Amino acid sequence: MNRVVVLLVALVGLLLLLGGYYTSARNEFVTMEENIRARWAQVDNQLQRRADLIPNLVETVKGYASHEREVLGRVADARAKLAGARSVNDRIAADNELSSALARLLVVVENYPNLKADSQFTGLRTQLEGTENRLAVERRRYNEAVQGYNTTLRRFPGSLVASLAGFRESPYFQVPEAARAAPQVKF
């Protein structure tokens, strides 16, 4: 009889330990997911700040380079896609397209010395550069949060808890291959 009681107490203790570990690990995943959401919100804030600067930049460029309609149209289209994107993956893809369109626009600007000297354009470009720097910092922080979460998610025994609780990997904010090449400036 004593052996049965000891075995039963040991089994209940083991179940309590496993239940406590599961609860603790699940709570850690929830905390990490919230951290990723908070980091993404900061990325999203900077994306919106940049998107808000673009119409002013485009209008300033239009005054000097009205025949560059294709480049200006790509910037406007990419900005519209970013505004319409809802999921993290869609926003990342739309931002990558917008970054590429902005890079092409800034290359076009190099052909217009009067535009480069315009104080309104210079101010907008400085604001855009500052926003790009803040965006780079927030992307890095977001990717660091994703890395910690995804690593914990894939490591044993966290992977068991993650699969039981339905946690999935989060996407990194990656730069597309096309954006890695330096734009060509021709004079």
N, C-alpha and C. Protein backbone atom coordinates (compact mmCIF):
# COMPACT_ATOMS: atom_id res chain seq x y z
N MET A 1 0.82 -1.19 0.00
CA MET A 1 0.00 0.00 0.00
C MET A 1 0.86 1.25 0.00
N ASN A 2 1.95 1.27 0.79
CA ASN A 2 2.83 2.43 0.84
C ASN A 2 3.49 2.69 -0.51
N ARG A 3 3.83 1.63 -1.24
CA ARG A 3 4.46 1.78 -2.54
C ARG A 3 3.50 2.43 -3.53
N VAL A 4 2.24 2.11 -3.43
CA VAL A 4 1.23 2.69 -4.32
C VAL A 4 1.08 4.18 -4.02
N VAL A 5 1.04 4.54 -2.77
CA VAL A 5 0.91 5.95 -2.38
C VAL A 5 2.14 6.74 -2.83
N VAL A 6 3.32 6.19 -2.61
CA VAL A 6 4.55 6.87 -3.02
C VAL A 6 4.58 7.03 -4.54
N LEU A 7 4.20 6.00 -5.25
CA LEU A 7 4.17 6.06 -6.71
C LEU A 7 3.14 7.08 -7.19
N LEU A 8 1.99 7.11 -6.55
CA LEU A 8 0.95 8.07 -6.90
C LEU A 8 1.39 9.50 -6.62
N VAL A 9 2.03 9.72 -5.48
CA VAL A 9 2.54 11.06 -5.13
C VAL A 9 3.63 11.48 -6.13
N ALA A 10 4.52 10.56 -6.48
CA ALA A 10 5.58 10.86 -7.44
C ALA A 10 4.99 11.19 -8.81
N LEU A 11 3.95 10.46 -9.21
CA LEU A 11 3.30 10.70 -10.49
C LEU A 11 2.61 12.07 -10.50
N VAL A 12 1.91 12.39 -9.43
CA VAL A 12 1.25 13.70 -9.32
C VAL A 12 2.30 14.80 -9.31
N GLY A 13 3.39 14.61 -8.59
CA GLY A 13 4.48 15.59 -8.57
C GLY A 13 5.08 15.80 -9.95
N LEU A 14 5.29 14.71 -10.67
CA LEU A 14 5.83 14.80 -12.03
C LEU A 14 4.86 15.54 -12.95
N LEU A 15 3.58 15.23 -12.83
CA LEU A 15 2.58 15.93 -13.64
C LEU A 15 2.52 17.41 -13.31
N LEU A 16 2.64 17.76 -12.03
CA LEU A 16 2.67 19.17 -11.63
C LEU A 16 3.91 19.88 -12.19
N LEU A 17 5.05 19.21 -12.15
CA LEU A 17 6.27 19.78 -12.70
C LEU A 17 6.14 20.00 -14.21
N LEU A 18 5.63 18.99 -14.91
CA LEU A 18 5.45 19.12 -16.37
C LEU A 18 4.42 20.19 -16.70
N GLY A 19 3.35 20.25 -15.94
CA GLY A 19 2.33 21.28 -16.16
C GLY A 19 2.88 22.66 -15.89
N GLY A 20 3.68 22.78 -14.84
CA GLY A 20 4.32 24.06 -14.52
C GLY A 20 5.29 24.48 -15.61
N TYR A 21 6.07 23.52 -16.11
CA TYR A 21 7.01 23.84 -17.19
C TYR A 21 6.24 24.27 -18.44
N TYR A 22 5.21 23.53 -18.79
CA TYR A 22 4.41 23.86 -19.98
C TYR A 22 3.84 25.27 -19.86
N THR A 23 3.27 25.58 -18.71
CA THR A 23 2.67 26.90 -18.50
C THR A 23 3.73 27.99 -18.58
N SER A 24 4.86 27.75 -17.95
CA SER A 24 5.94 28.73 -17.97
C SER A 24 6.46 28.95 -19.40
N ALA A 25 6.69 27.86 -20.11
CA ALA A 25 7.20 27.96 -21.49
C ALA A 25 6.18 28.63 -22.40
N ARG A 26 4.92 28.30 -22.23
CA ARG A 26 3.87 28.91 -23.06
C ARG A 26 3.80 30.41 -22.78
N ASN A 27 3.88 30.79 -21.53
CA ASN A 27 3.87 32.21 -21.17
C ASN A 27 5.08 32.94 -21.76
N GLU A 28 6.22 32.27 -21.79
CA GLU A 28 7.41 32.87 -22.39
C GLU A 28 7.19 33.10 -23.89
N PHE A 29 6.57 32.16 -24.57
CA PHE A 29 6.27 32.34 -25.99
C PHE A 29 5.31 33.50 -26.21
N VAL A 30 4.32 33.61 -25.36
CA VAL A 30 3.36 34.73 -25.46
C VAL A 30 4.09 36.05 -25.27
N THR A 31 4.97 36.12 -24.29
CA THR A 31 5.74 37.33 -24.04
C THR A 31 6.61 37.68 -25.25
N MET A 32 7.24 36.69 -25.82
CA MET A 32 8.11 36.91 -26.98
C MET A 32 7.29 37.35 -28.20
N GLU A 33 6.11 36.77 -28.38
CA GLU A 33 5.25 37.20 -29.48
C GLU A 33 4.83 38.66 -29.31
N GLU A 34 4.51 39.04 -28.10
CA GLU A 34 4.14 40.43 -27.85
C GLU A 34 5.32 41.37 -28.10
N ASN A 35 6.51 40.94 -27.76
CA ASN A 35 7.69 41.73 -28.05
C ASN A 35 7.86 41.91 -29.56
N ILE A 36 7.64 40.86 -30.31
CA ILE A 36 7.72 40.96 -31.77
C ILE A 36 6.67 41.93 -32.29
N ARG A 37 5.46 41.85 -31.76
CA ARG A 37 4.40 42.78 -32.19
C ARG A 37 4.78 44.23 -31.87
N ALA A 38 5.35 44.44 -30.70
CA ALA A 38 5.76 45.79 -30.33
C ALA A 38 6.89 46.29 -31.24
N ARG A 39 7.83 45.43 -31.54
CA ARG A 39 8.92 45.80 -32.45
C ARG A 39 8.38 46.09 -33.84
N TRP A 40 7.42 45.26 -34.29
CA TRP A 40 6.83 45.50 -35.61
C TRP A 40 6.07 46.83 -35.62
N ALA A 41 5.42 47.16 -34.54
CA ALA A 41 4.70 48.44 -34.47
C ALA A 41 5.67 49.60 -34.66
N GLN A 42 6.87 49.49 -34.11
CA GLN A 42 7.87 50.54 -34.31
C GLN A 42 8.35 50.61 -35.76
N VAL A 43 8.53 49.45 -36.38
CA VAL A 43 8.87 49.42 -37.81
C VAL A 43 7.75 50.08 -38.59
N ASP A 44 6.53 49.70 -38.28
CA ASP A 44 5.35 50.23 -38.97
C ASP A 44 5.25 51.75 -38.81
N ASN A 45 5.57 52.27 -37.61
CA ASN A 45 5.57 53.72 -37.40
C ASN A 45 6.54 54.41 -38.34
N GLN A 46 7.72 53.85 -38.49
CA GLN A 46 8.72 54.45 -39.37
C GLN A 46 8.34 54.31 -40.84
N LEU A 47 7.71 53.19 -41.19
CA LEU A 47 7.21 53.03 -42.57
C LEU A 47 6.17 54.10 -42.88
N GLN A 48 5.31 54.36 -41.91
CA GLN A 48 4.27 55.38 -42.11
C GLN A 48 4.90 56.77 -42.20
N ARG A 49 5.88 57.03 -41.38
CA ARG A 49 6.56 58.33 -41.42
C ARG A 49 7.18 58.54 -42.80
N ARG A 50 7.82 57.50 -43.30
CA ARG A 50 8.43 57.61 -44.64
C ARG A 50 7.36 57.78 -45.70
N ALA A 51 6.30 57.02 -45.60
CA ALA A 51 5.21 57.13 -46.58
C ALA A 51 4.59 58.53 -46.57
N ASP A 52 4.54 59.16 -45.41
CA ASP A 52 4.00 60.51 -45.31
C ASP A 52 4.93 61.56 -45.93
N LEU A 53 6.23 61.30 -45.93
CA LEU A 53 7.19 62.23 -46.54
C LEU A 53 7.20 62.15 -48.06
N ILE A 54 6.86 60.99 -48.59
CA ILE A 54 7.02 60.75 -50.02
C ILE A 54 6.20 61.68 -50.91
N PRO A 55 4.93 61.95 -50.62
CA PRO A 55 4.19 62.85 -51.52
C PRO A 55 4.84 64.22 -51.66
N ASN A 56 5.37 64.77 -50.57
CA ASN A 56 6.05 66.07 -50.64
C ASN A 56 7.31 65.98 -51.48
N LEU A 57 8.05 64.89 -51.31
CA LEU A 57 9.26 64.68 -52.09
C LEU A 57 8.93 64.56 -53.57
N VAL A 58 7.92 63.78 -53.89
CA VAL A 58 7.51 63.56 -55.28
C VAL A 58 7.05 64.88 -55.91
N GLU A 59 6.27 65.66 -55.18
CA GLU A 59 5.79 66.94 -55.72
C GLU A 59 6.95 67.89 -55.99
N THR A 60 7.94 67.89 -55.12
CA THR A 60 9.10 68.74 -55.32
C THR A 60 9.88 68.30 -56.56
N VAL A 61 10.05 67.00 -56.72
CA VAL A 61 10.77 66.48 -57.88
C VAL A 61 9.98 66.76 -59.16
N LYS A 62 8.66 66.64 -59.09
CA LYS A 62 7.82 66.88 -60.28
C LYS A 62 8.07 68.28 -60.85
N GLY A 63 8.27 69.25 -60.01
CA GLY A 63 8.49 70.61 -60.47
C GLY A 63 9.73 70.74 -61.33
N TYR A 64 10.73 69.91 -61.07
CA TYR A 64 11.99 69.99 -61.81
C TYR A 64 12.09 68.92 -62.89
N ALA A 65 11.48 67.79 -62.66
CA ALA A 65 11.68 66.63 -63.55
C ALA A 65 10.34 66.03 -63.94
N SER A 66 9.48 66.85 -64.51
CA SER A 66 8.13 66.38 -64.82
C SER A 66 8.12 65.27 -65.87
N HIS A 67 9.16 65.18 -66.69
CA HIS A 67 9.18 64.13 -67.72
C HIS A 67 9.64 62.78 -67.17
N GLU A 68 9.93 62.69 -65.90
CA GLU A 68 10.31 61.42 -65.26
C GLU A 68 9.08 60.73 -64.69
N ARG A 69 8.02 60.69 -65.46
CA ARG A 69 6.73 60.17 -64.98
C ARG A 69 6.79 58.70 -64.56
N GLU A 70 7.57 57.91 -65.28
CA GLU A 70 7.64 56.49 -64.95
C GLU A 70 8.18 56.27 -63.54
N VAL A 71 9.27 56.93 -63.22
CA VAL A 71 9.88 56.80 -61.89
C VAL A 71 8.93 57.33 -60.82
N LEU A 72 8.33 58.49 -61.08
CA LEU A 72 7.39 59.07 -60.12
C LEU A 72 6.17 58.17 -59.94
N GLY A 73 5.71 57.58 -61.03
CA GLY A 73 4.57 56.66 -60.96
C GLY A 73 4.88 55.42 -60.14
N ARG A 74 6.09 54.90 -60.28
CA ARG A 74 6.48 53.71 -59.50
C ARG A 74 6.51 54.01 -58.01
N VAL A 75 6.98 55.21 -57.68
CA VAL A 75 7.01 55.60 -56.26
C VAL A 75 5.58 55.68 -55.73
N ALA A 76 4.70 56.33 -56.50
CA ALA A 76 3.30 56.46 -56.06
C ALA A 76 2.62 55.10 -55.95
N ASP A 77 2.86 54.22 -56.92
CA ASP A 77 2.26 52.88 -56.88
C ASP A 77 2.77 52.08 -55.68
N ALA A 78 4.07 52.16 -55.44
CA ALA A 78 4.65 51.42 -54.32
C ALA A 78 4.12 51.94 -52.99
N ARG A 79 3.95 53.24 -52.89
CA ARG A 79 3.40 53.83 -51.66
C ARG A 79 1.97 53.36 -51.44
N ALA A 80 1.19 53.27 -52.53
CA ALA A 80 -0.19 52.80 -52.43
C ALA A 80 -0.23 51.34 -51.98
N LYS A 81 0.68 50.53 -52.50
CA LYS A 81 0.74 49.12 -52.08
C LYS A 81 1.06 49.01 -50.59
N LEU A 82 1.97 49.85 -50.13
CA LEU A 82 2.32 49.83 -48.70
C LEU A 82 1.12 50.22 -47.86
N ALA A 83 0.38 51.22 -48.31
CA ALA A 83 -0.80 51.65 -47.56
C ALA A 83 -1.87 50.57 -47.53
N GLY A 84 -1.95 49.75 -48.58
CA GLY A 84 -2.98 48.71 -48.64
C GLY A 84 -2.57 47.38 -48.05
N ALA A 85 -1.29 47.22 -47.73
CA ALA A 85 -0.81 45.94 -47.20
C ALA A 85 -1.30 45.76 -45.76
N ARG A 86 -1.74 44.56 -45.45
CA ARG A 86 -2.29 44.30 -44.11
C ARG A 86 -1.41 43.37 -43.27
N SER A 87 -0.90 42.30 -43.85
CA SER A 87 -0.11 41.35 -43.07
C SER A 87 1.34 41.81 -43.00
N VAL A 88 2.08 41.25 -42.07
CA VAL A 88 3.49 41.58 -41.93
C VAL A 88 4.23 41.25 -43.21
N ASN A 89 3.99 40.07 -43.79
CA ASN A 89 4.67 39.68 -45.02
C ASN A 89 4.34 40.63 -46.16
N ASP A 90 3.07 41.04 -46.28
CA ASP A 90 2.67 41.98 -47.34
C ASP A 90 3.33 43.34 -47.14
N ARG A 91 3.41 43.79 -45.90
CA ARG A 91 4.03 45.10 -45.61
C ARG A 91 5.54 45.05 -45.90
N ILE A 92 6.17 43.93 -45.58
CA ILE A 92 7.59 43.79 -45.88
C ILE A 92 7.81 43.84 -47.39
N ALA A 93 7.02 43.10 -48.15
CA ALA A 93 7.15 43.10 -49.61
C ALA A 93 6.88 44.48 -50.19
N ALA A 94 5.85 45.14 -49.71
CA ALA A 94 5.51 46.48 -50.20
C ALA A 94 6.61 47.48 -49.84
N ASP A 95 7.17 47.36 -48.65
CA ASP A 95 8.26 48.27 -48.26
C ASP A 95 9.48 48.04 -49.13
N ASN A 96 9.79 46.80 -49.43
CA ASN A 96 10.94 46.52 -50.29
C ASN A 96 10.74 47.15 -51.67
N GLU A 97 9.52 47.08 -52.18
CA GLU A 97 9.22 47.70 -53.48
C GLU A 97 9.35 49.22 -53.39
N LEU A 98 8.86 49.80 -52.31
CA LEU A 98 8.96 51.24 -52.12
C LEU A 98 10.41 51.68 -51.98
N SER A 99 11.21 50.92 -51.25
CA SER A 99 12.63 51.25 -51.10
C SER A 99 13.33 51.26 -52.46
N SER A 100 13.00 50.29 -53.28
CA SER A 100 13.59 50.22 -54.62
C SER A 100 13.17 51.41 -55.47
N ALA A 101 11.89 51.78 -55.42
CA ALA A 101 11.38 52.92 -56.19
C ALA A 101 12.02 54.22 -55.71
N LEU A 102 12.18 54.37 -54.39
CA LEU A 102 12.83 55.58 -53.85
C LEU A 102 14.29 55.66 -54.28
N ALA A 103 14.97 54.53 -54.30
CA ALA A 103 16.37 54.52 -54.74
C ALA A 103 16.47 54.99 -56.19
N ARG A 104 15.54 54.52 -57.05
CA ARG A 104 15.54 54.96 -58.44
C ARG A 104 15.25 56.45 -58.54
N LEU A 105 14.34 56.94 -57.71
CA LEU A 105 14.01 58.37 -57.71
C LEU A 105 15.23 59.20 -57.33
N LEU A 106 15.94 58.77 -56.31
CA LEU A 106 17.11 59.53 -55.87
C LEU A 106 18.24 59.48 -56.90
N VAL A 107 18.30 58.42 -57.68
CA VAL A 107 19.27 58.36 -58.78
C VAL A 107 18.88 59.38 -59.86
N VAL A 108 17.59 59.47 -60.16
CA VAL A 108 17.11 60.43 -61.16
C VAL A 108 17.44 61.86 -60.71
N VAL A 109 17.31 62.12 -59.44
CA VAL A 109 17.56 63.46 -58.89
C VAL A 109 18.99 63.90 -59.18
N GLU A 110 19.91 62.95 -59.24
CA GLU A 110 21.31 63.29 -59.50
C GLU A 110 21.46 64.02 -60.84
N ASN A 111 20.55 63.84 -61.76
CA ASN A 111 20.61 64.48 -63.07
C ASN A 111 20.13 65.93 -63.05
N TYR A 112 19.65 66.41 -61.90
CA TYR A 112 19.06 67.75 -61.82
C TYR A 112 19.75 68.55 -60.72
N PRO A 113 20.84 69.24 -61.07
CA PRO A 113 21.58 70.00 -60.05
C PRO A 113 20.74 71.08 -59.38
N ASN A 114 19.83 71.72 -60.12
CA ASN A 114 18.98 72.75 -59.50
C ASN A 114 18.08 72.15 -58.43
N LEU A 115 17.60 70.93 -58.69
CA LEU A 115 16.75 70.26 -57.71
C LEU A 115 17.55 69.91 -56.46
N LYS A 116 18.76 69.41 -56.65
CA LYS A 116 19.59 69.04 -55.51
C LYS A 116 19.90 70.25 -54.64
N ALA A 117 19.91 71.45 -55.25
CA ALA A 117 20.21 72.67 -54.51
C ALA A 117 18.97 73.29 -53.87
N ASP A 118 17.78 72.83 -54.25
CA ASP A 118 16.52 73.39 -53.73
C ASP A 118 16.41 73.10 -52.24
N SER A 119 16.14 74.14 -51.45
CA SER A 119 16.12 73.99 -49.99
C SER A 119 14.98 73.08 -49.53
N GLN A 120 13.83 73.15 -50.20
CA GLN A 120 12.71 72.27 -49.81
C GLN A 120 13.08 70.81 -50.06
N PHE A 121 13.67 70.55 -51.22
CA PHE A 121 14.08 69.19 -51.54
C PHE A 121 15.15 68.71 -50.56
N THR A 122 16.12 69.57 -50.28
CA THR A 122 17.20 69.21 -49.37
C THR A 122 16.65 68.86 -47.98
N GLY A 123 15.69 69.67 -47.51
CA GLY A 123 15.06 69.39 -46.22
C GLY A 123 14.31 68.08 -46.21
N LEU A 124 13.56 67.83 -47.30
CA LEU A 124 12.81 66.56 -47.38
C LEU A 124 13.76 65.37 -47.46
N ARG A 125 14.82 65.53 -48.22
CA ARG A 125 15.79 64.44 -48.36
C ARG A 125 16.45 64.16 -47.01
N THR A 126 16.78 65.19 -46.26
CA THR A 126 17.37 65.00 -44.94
C THR A 126 16.39 64.28 -44.01
N GLN A 127 15.12 64.67 -44.05
CA GLN A 127 14.11 63.99 -43.23
C GLN A 127 13.98 62.52 -43.64
N LEU A 128 14.01 62.29 -44.96
CA LEU A 128 13.90 60.92 -45.46
C LEU A 128 15.10 60.09 -45.03
N GLU A 129 16.29 60.67 -45.10
CA GLU A 129 17.49 59.95 -44.65
C GLU A 129 17.42 59.62 -43.17
N GLY A 130 16.94 60.57 -42.36
CA GLY A 130 16.77 60.31 -40.93
C GLY A 130 15.77 59.21 -40.68
N THR A 131 14.69 59.23 -41.43
CA THR A 131 13.67 58.19 -41.29
C THR A 131 14.22 56.83 -41.72
N GLU A 132 14.99 56.82 -42.80
CA GLU A 132 15.60 55.56 -43.24
C GLU A 132 16.53 55.01 -42.17
N ASN A 133 17.28 55.89 -41.50
CA ASN A 133 18.15 55.44 -40.41
C ASN A 133 17.34 54.87 -39.25
N ARG A 134 16.27 55.56 -38.87
CA ARG A 134 15.41 55.04 -37.79
C ARG A 134 14.76 53.73 -38.20
N LEU A 135 14.37 53.64 -39.45
CA LEU A 135 13.76 52.41 -39.96
C LEU A 135 14.76 51.25 -39.91
N ALA A 136 16.00 51.52 -40.27
CA ALA A 136 17.03 50.48 -40.21
C ALA A 136 17.22 49.99 -38.77
N VAL A 137 17.21 50.91 -37.82
CA VAL A 137 17.36 50.53 -36.40
C VAL A 137 16.17 49.67 -35.97
N GLU A 138 14.97 50.09 -36.32
CA GLU A 138 13.77 49.34 -35.92
C GLU A 138 13.69 47.98 -36.61
N ARG A 139 14.12 47.91 -37.87
CA ARG A 139 14.18 46.61 -38.56
C ARG A 139 15.12 45.66 -37.82
N ARG A 140 16.29 46.20 -37.44
CA ARG A 140 17.26 45.38 -36.71
C ARG A 140 16.67 44.87 -35.40
N ARG A 141 16.02 45.77 -34.66
CA ARG A 141 15.42 45.37 -33.38
C ARG A 141 14.32 44.34 -33.59
N TYR A 142 13.52 44.54 -34.63
CA TYR A 142 12.47 43.57 -34.95
C TYR A 142 13.10 42.21 -35.27
N ASN A 143 14.12 42.19 -36.12
CA ASN A 143 14.76 40.94 -36.50
C ASN A 143 15.43 40.27 -35.30
N GLU A 144 15.97 41.05 -34.37
CA GLU A 144 16.54 40.47 -33.16
C GLU A 144 15.46 39.79 -32.31
N ALA A 145 14.29 40.44 -32.20
CA ALA A 145 13.18 39.84 -31.45
C ALA A 145 12.70 38.56 -32.14
N VAL A 146 12.62 38.59 -33.46
CA VAL A 146 12.21 37.41 -34.22
C VAL A 146 13.23 36.29 -34.04
N GLN A 147 14.51 36.65 -34.09
CA GLN A 147 15.55 35.63 -33.94
C GLN A 147 15.44 34.94 -32.58
N GLY A 148 15.28 35.71 -31.51
CA GLY A 148 15.15 35.11 -30.18
C GLY A 148 13.94 34.21 -30.08
N TYR A 149 12.82 34.68 -30.62
CA TYR A 149 11.58 33.90 -30.59
C TYR A 149 11.73 32.62 -31.41
N ASN A 150 12.20 32.76 -32.66
CA ASN A 150 12.32 31.59 -33.53
C ASN A 150 13.33 30.58 -32.99
N THR A 151 14.40 31.06 -32.37
CA THR A 151 15.39 30.15 -31.78
C THR A 151 14.78 29.38 -30.62
N THR A 152 14.09 30.07 -29.75
CA THR A 152 13.43 29.40 -28.62
C THR A 152 12.37 28.42 -29.13
N LEU A 153 11.68 28.81 -30.16
CA LEU A 153 10.62 27.98 -30.74
C LEU A 153 11.17 26.67 -31.30
N ARG A 154 12.37 26.72 -31.83
CA ARG A 154 12.94 25.54 -32.50
C ARG A 154 13.77 24.66 -31.57
N ARG A 155 14.18 25.20 -30.40
CA ARG A 155 15.01 24.43 -29.48
C ARG A 155 14.16 23.50 -28.63
N PHE A 156 14.71 22.34 -28.35
CA PHE A 156 14.06 21.38 -27.47
C PHE A 156 14.28 21.82 -26.03
N PRO A 157 13.34 21.74 -25.17
CA PRO A 157 11.99 21.21 -25.25
C PRO A 157 10.94 22.26 -25.64
N GLY A 158 11.41 23.50 -25.91
CA GLY A 158 10.47 24.53 -26.30
C GLY A 158 9.69 24.19 -27.56
N SER A 159 10.32 23.44 -28.45
CA SER A 159 9.64 23.05 -29.69
C SER A 159 8.42 22.18 -29.40
N LEU A 160 8.49 21.38 -28.34
CA LEU A 160 7.33 20.55 -27.98
C LEU A 160 6.17 21.43 -27.51
N VAL A 161 6.49 22.38 -26.64
CA VAL A 161 5.46 23.28 -26.13
C VAL A 161 4.89 24.11 -27.27
N ALA A 162 5.78 24.60 -28.14
CA ALA A 162 5.33 25.43 -29.26
C ALA A 162 4.39 24.67 -30.17
N SER A 163 4.71 23.42 -30.47
CA SER A 163 3.84 22.66 -31.37
C SER A 163 2.51 22.33 -30.68
N LEU A 164 2.54 22.03 -29.39
CA LEU A 164 1.29 21.74 -28.67
C LEU A 164 0.41 22.99 -28.55
N ALA A 165 1.03 24.15 -28.37
CA ALA A 165 0.28 25.39 -28.16
C ALA A 165 -0.01 26.13 -29.47
N GLY A 166 0.53 25.65 -30.58
CA GLY A 166 0.22 26.26 -31.88
C GLY A 166 1.04 27.49 -32.23
N PHE A 167 2.22 27.66 -31.65
CA PHE A 167 3.07 28.80 -32.00
C PHE A 167 3.81 28.49 -33.29
N ARG A 168 3.95 29.49 -34.15
CA ARG A 168 4.62 29.35 -35.44
C ARG A 168 5.75 30.36 -35.55
N GLU A 169 6.72 30.07 -36.44
CA GLU A 169 7.83 30.99 -36.66
C GLU A 169 7.32 32.32 -37.20
N SER A 170 8.01 33.39 -36.84
CA SER A 170 7.71 34.73 -37.35
C SER A 170 8.66 35.04 -38.49
N PRO A 171 8.21 35.85 -39.46
CA PRO A 171 9.09 36.17 -40.60
C PRO A 171 10.11 37.25 -40.24
N TYR A 172 11.29 37.13 -40.80
CA TYR A 172 12.30 38.18 -40.69
C TYR A 172 11.97 39.28 -41.70
N PHE A 173 12.45 40.47 -41.42
CA PHE A 173 12.34 41.58 -42.36
C PHE A 173 13.61 41.53 -43.19
N GLN A 174 13.52 40.93 -44.37
CA GLN A 174 14.70 40.74 -45.20
C GLN A 174 14.68 41.68 -46.39
N VAL A 175 15.86 42.08 -46.79
CA VAL A 175 16.02 42.94 -47.95
C VAL A 175 16.11 42.04 -49.18
N PRO A 176 15.37 42.37 -50.24
CA PRO A 176 15.44 41.53 -51.44
C PRO A 176 16.80 41.66 -52.13
N GLU A 177 17.18 40.67 -52.90
CA GLU A 177 18.46 40.67 -53.60
C GLU A 177 18.63 41.92 -54.47
N ALA A 178 17.58 42.33 -55.15
CA ALA A 178 17.66 43.48 -56.06
C ALA A 178 18.05 44.76 -55.31
N ALA A 179 17.65 44.88 -54.06
CA ALA A 179 17.95 46.09 -53.29
C ALA A 179 19.37 46.10 -52.76
N ARG A 180 20.06 44.98 -52.82
CA ARG A 180 21.42 44.91 -52.30
C ARG A 180 22.43 45.55 -53.26
N ALA A 181 22.08 45.60 -54.54
CA ALA A 181 22.98 46.18 -55.53
C ALA A 181 22.91 47.71 -55.42
N ALA A 182 24.07 48.34 -55.50
CA ALA A 182 24.12 49.81 -55.45
C ALA A 182 23.53 50.39 -56.74
N PRO A 183 22.70 51.41 -56.64
CA PRO A 183 22.14 52.02 -57.84
C PRO A 183 23.25 52.71 -58.66
N GLN A 184 23.09 52.68 -59.96
CA GLN A 184 24.05 53.30 -60.86
C GLN A 184 23.69 54.76 -61.08
N VAL A 185 24.65 55.63 -60.88
CA VAL A 185 24.44 57.06 -61.14
C VAL A 185 25.22 57.40 -62.40
N LYS A 186 24.50 57.94 -63.39
CA LYS A 186 25.13 58.31 -64.65
C LYS A 186 25.02 59.80 -64.87
N PHE A 187 26.11 60.42 -65.26
CA PHE A 187 26.11 61.87 -65.51
C PHE A 187 26.21 62.12 -67.00
